[in-house]
C-alpha atoms as a PDB file:
ATOM      1  CA  MET A   1      13.644 -12.114  36.665  1.00  0.00           C
ATOM      2  CA  LYS A   2      10.095 -11.904  35.343  1.00  0.00           C
ATOM      3  CA  VAL A   3       9.161 -10.570  31.895  1.00  0.00           C
ATOM      4  CA  LEU A   4       5.903  -9.038  30.729  1.00  0.00           C
ATOM      5  CA  LEU A   5       4.910 -10.031  27.190  1.00  0.00           C
ATOM      6  CA  TYR A   6       2.405  -7.391  26.156  1.00  0.00           C
ATOM      7  CA  ALA A   7       0.447  -7.094  22.943  1.00  0.00           C
ATOM      8  CA  GLU A   8      -2.507  -4.783  22.694  1.00  0.00           C
ATOM      9  CA  GLY A   9      -5.496  -6.437  21.042  1.00  0.00           C
ATOM     10  CA  LEU A  10      -4.027  -9.935  21.225  1.00  0.00           C
ATOM     11  CA  LYS A  11      -7.429 -11.535  20.627  1.00  0.00           C
ATOM     12  CA  VAL A  12      -7.592  -9.791  17.250  1.00  0.00           C
ATOM     13  CA  ILE A  13      -3.958 -10.151  16.196  1.00  0.00           C
ATOM     14  CA  GLY A  14      -3.432 -13.577  17.753  1.00  0.00           C
ATOM     15  CA  VAL A  15      -3.844 -15.405  14.451  1.00  0.00           C
ATOM     16  CA  SER A  16      -1.403 -13.126  12.658  1.00  0.00           C
ATOM     17  CA  GLY A  17       2.357 -13.333  12.418  1.00  0.00           C
ATOM     18  CA  LEU A  18       2.563 -11.143  15.519  1.00  0.00           C
ATOM     19  CA  GLY A  19       0.491 -13.642  17.475  1.00  0.00           C
ATOM     20  CA  LYS A  20       2.833 -16.405  16.406  1.00  0.00           C
ATOM     21  CA  ALA A  21       5.849 -14.263  17.364  1.00  0.00           C
ATOM     22  CA  ILE A  22       4.493 -13.944  20.892  1.00  0.00           C
ATOM     23  CA  LEU A  23       4.097 -17.718  21.110  1.00  0.00           C
ATOM     24  CA  HIS A  24       7.748 -18.049  20.032  1.00  0.00           C
ATOM     25  CA  GLN A  25       8.759 -15.541  22.694  1.00  0.00           C
ATOM     26  CA  GLU A  26       6.929 -17.584  25.325  1.00  0.00           C
ATOM     27  CA  LYS A  27       8.654 -20.783  24.198  1.00  0.00           C
ATOM     28  CA  ALA A  28      12.053 -19.052  24.247  1.00  0.00           C
ATOM     29  CA  LEU A  29      11.511 -17.809  27.807  1.00  0.00           C
ATOM     30  CA  GLN A  30      10.313 -21.253  28.897  1.00  0.00           C
ATOM     31  CA  SER A  31      13.377 -22.911  27.375  1.00  0.00           C
ATOM     32  CA  VAL A  32      15.721 -20.798  29.516  1.00  0.00           C
ATOM     33  CA  LYS A  33      13.425 -21.026  32.565  1.00  0.00           C
ATOM     34  CA  VAL A  34      12.575 -17.313  32.766  1.00  0.00           C
ATOM     35  CA  ASP A  35       9.225 -16.445  34.338  1.00  0.00           C
ATOM     36  CA  TYR A  36       6.855 -14.397  32.213  1.00  0.00           C
ATOM     37  CA  THR A  37       3.348 -13.008  32.370  1.00  0.00           C
ATOM     38  CA  ARG A  38       0.805 -11.381  30.095  1.00  0.00           C
ATOM     39  CA  ASP A  39      -0.926  -9.632  33.001  1.00  0.00           C
ATOM     40  CA  TYR A  40       0.325  -6.055  32.730  1.00  0.00           C
ATOM     41  CA  LYS A  41      -1.822  -4.768  35.611  1.00  0.00           C
ATOM     42  CA  THR A  42       0.128  -6.525  38.378  1.00  0.00           C
ATOM     43  CA  PHE A  43       3.456  -4.670  37.902  1.00  0.00           C
ATOM     44  CA  ASP A  44       5.278  -7.645  39.439  1.00  0.00           C
ATOM     45  CA  TYR A  45       7.713  -7.989  36.531  1.00  0.00           C
ATOM     46  CA  ASP A  46      11.204  -6.610  35.967  1.00  0.00           C
ATOM     47  CA  ILE A  47      11.093  -5.816  32.277  1.00  0.00           C
ATOM     48  CA  ALA A  48       8.314  -5.346  29.730  1.00  0.00           C
ATOM     49  CA  HIS A  49       8.442  -6.526  26.120  1.00  0.00           C
ATOM     50  CA  ILE A  50       5.797  -4.503  24.273  1.00  0.00           C
ATOM     51  CA  ASN A  51       4.929  -6.057  20.935  1.00  0.00           C
ATOM     52  CA  THR A  52       2.516  -3.427  19.624  1.00  0.00           C
ATOM     53  CA  TYR A  53       2.718   0.306  19.076  1.00  0.00           C
ATOM     54  CA  PHE A  54      -0.919   1.283  19.504  1.00  0.00           C
ATOM     55  CA  LEU A  55      -2.133   3.974  21.881  1.00  0.00           C
ATOM     56  CA  LYS A  56      -2.611   1.752  24.953  1.00  0.00           C
ATOM     57  CA  SER A  57       0.880   0.377  24.409  1.00  0.00           C
ATOM     58  CA  TYR A  58       2.299   3.912  24.445  1.00  0.00           C
ATOM     59  CA  PHE A  59       0.501   4.795  27.674  1.00  0.00           C
ATOM     60  CA  LEU A  60       1.594   1.528  29.273  1.00  0.00           C
ATOM     61  CA  ALA A  61       5.213   2.325  28.374  1.00  0.00           C
ATOM     62  CA  LYS A  62       4.874   5.760  30.011  1.00  0.00           C
ATOM     63  CA  LYS A  63       3.387   4.237  33.158  1.00  0.00           C
ATOM     64  CA  LEU A  64       6.142   1.617  33.323  1.00  0.00           C
ATOM     65  CA  LYS A  65       8.771   4.326  33.063  1.00  0.00           C
ATOM     66  CA  ARG A  66       7.208   6.171  36.000  1.00  0.00           C
ATOM     67  CA  LYS A  67       7.328   2.927  37.996  1.00  0.00           C
ATOM     68  CA  GLY A  68      10.982   2.311  37.054  1.00  0.00           C
ATOM     69  CA  ILE A  69      10.290  -0.798  34.951  1.00  0.00           C
ATOM     70  CA  LYS A  70      12.459  -1.087  31.828  1.00  0.00           C
ATOM     71  CA  SER A  71      10.603  -1.522  28.540  1.00  0.00           C
ATOM     72  CA  ILE A  72      11.428  -2.736  25.078  1.00  0.00           C
ATOM     73  CA  MET A  73       9.039  -2.005  22.216  1.00  0.00           C
ATOM     74  CA  LEU A  74       9.265  -3.796  18.878  1.00  0.00           C
ATOM     75  CA  ILE A  75       7.773  -2.261  15.783  1.00  0.00           C
ATOM     76  CA  ARG A  76       7.444  -4.725  12.953  1.00  0.00           C
ATOM     77  CA  GLN A  77       7.224  -3.684   9.333  1.00  0.00           C
ATOM     78  CA  LYS A  78       7.074  -5.876   6.261  1.00  0.00           C
ATOM     79  CA  LYS A  79      10.749  -5.617   5.307  1.00  0.00           C
ATOM     80  CA  THR A  80      12.455  -4.465   8.488  1.00  0.00           C
ATOM     81  CA  ILE A  81      12.236  -4.808  12.240  1.00  0.00           C
ATOM     82  CA  LYS A  82      12.961  -1.749  14.306  1.00  0.00           C
ATOM     83  CA  MET A  83      13.788  -2.137  17.977  1.00  0.00           C
ATOM     84  CA  GLY A  84      14.298   0.531  20.553  1.00  0.00           C
ATOM     85  CA  LEU A  85      14.416   1.108  24.240  1.00  0.00           C
ATOM     86  CA  LEU A  86      11.740   3.449  25.487  1.00  0.00           C
ATOM     87  CA  ALA A  87      14.091   5.518  27.555  1.00  0.00           C
ATOM     88  CA  ASP A  88      12.758   8.865  26.410  1.00  0.00           C
ATOM     89  CA  ILE A  89       9.014   8.373  26.659  1.00  0.00           C
END
């Protein structure tokens, strides 16, 4: 299994809490020996973990659905974390 870790604008948000969350995700995947990538253009992954909800993220989720790749999108807010599968995009 190979996982895509995607975050739109990572260079800008990399120093934020979201950037740190992605580093934690990478460490978690490494600890259980699961392959991962940040290169969304290759489409050689089985599932996509989308960490942002900006416009490019939405269009990527739609493209992944057309290609049959499952996606998970996390939307973080100050007090809550909402998680959903993008089955209906």
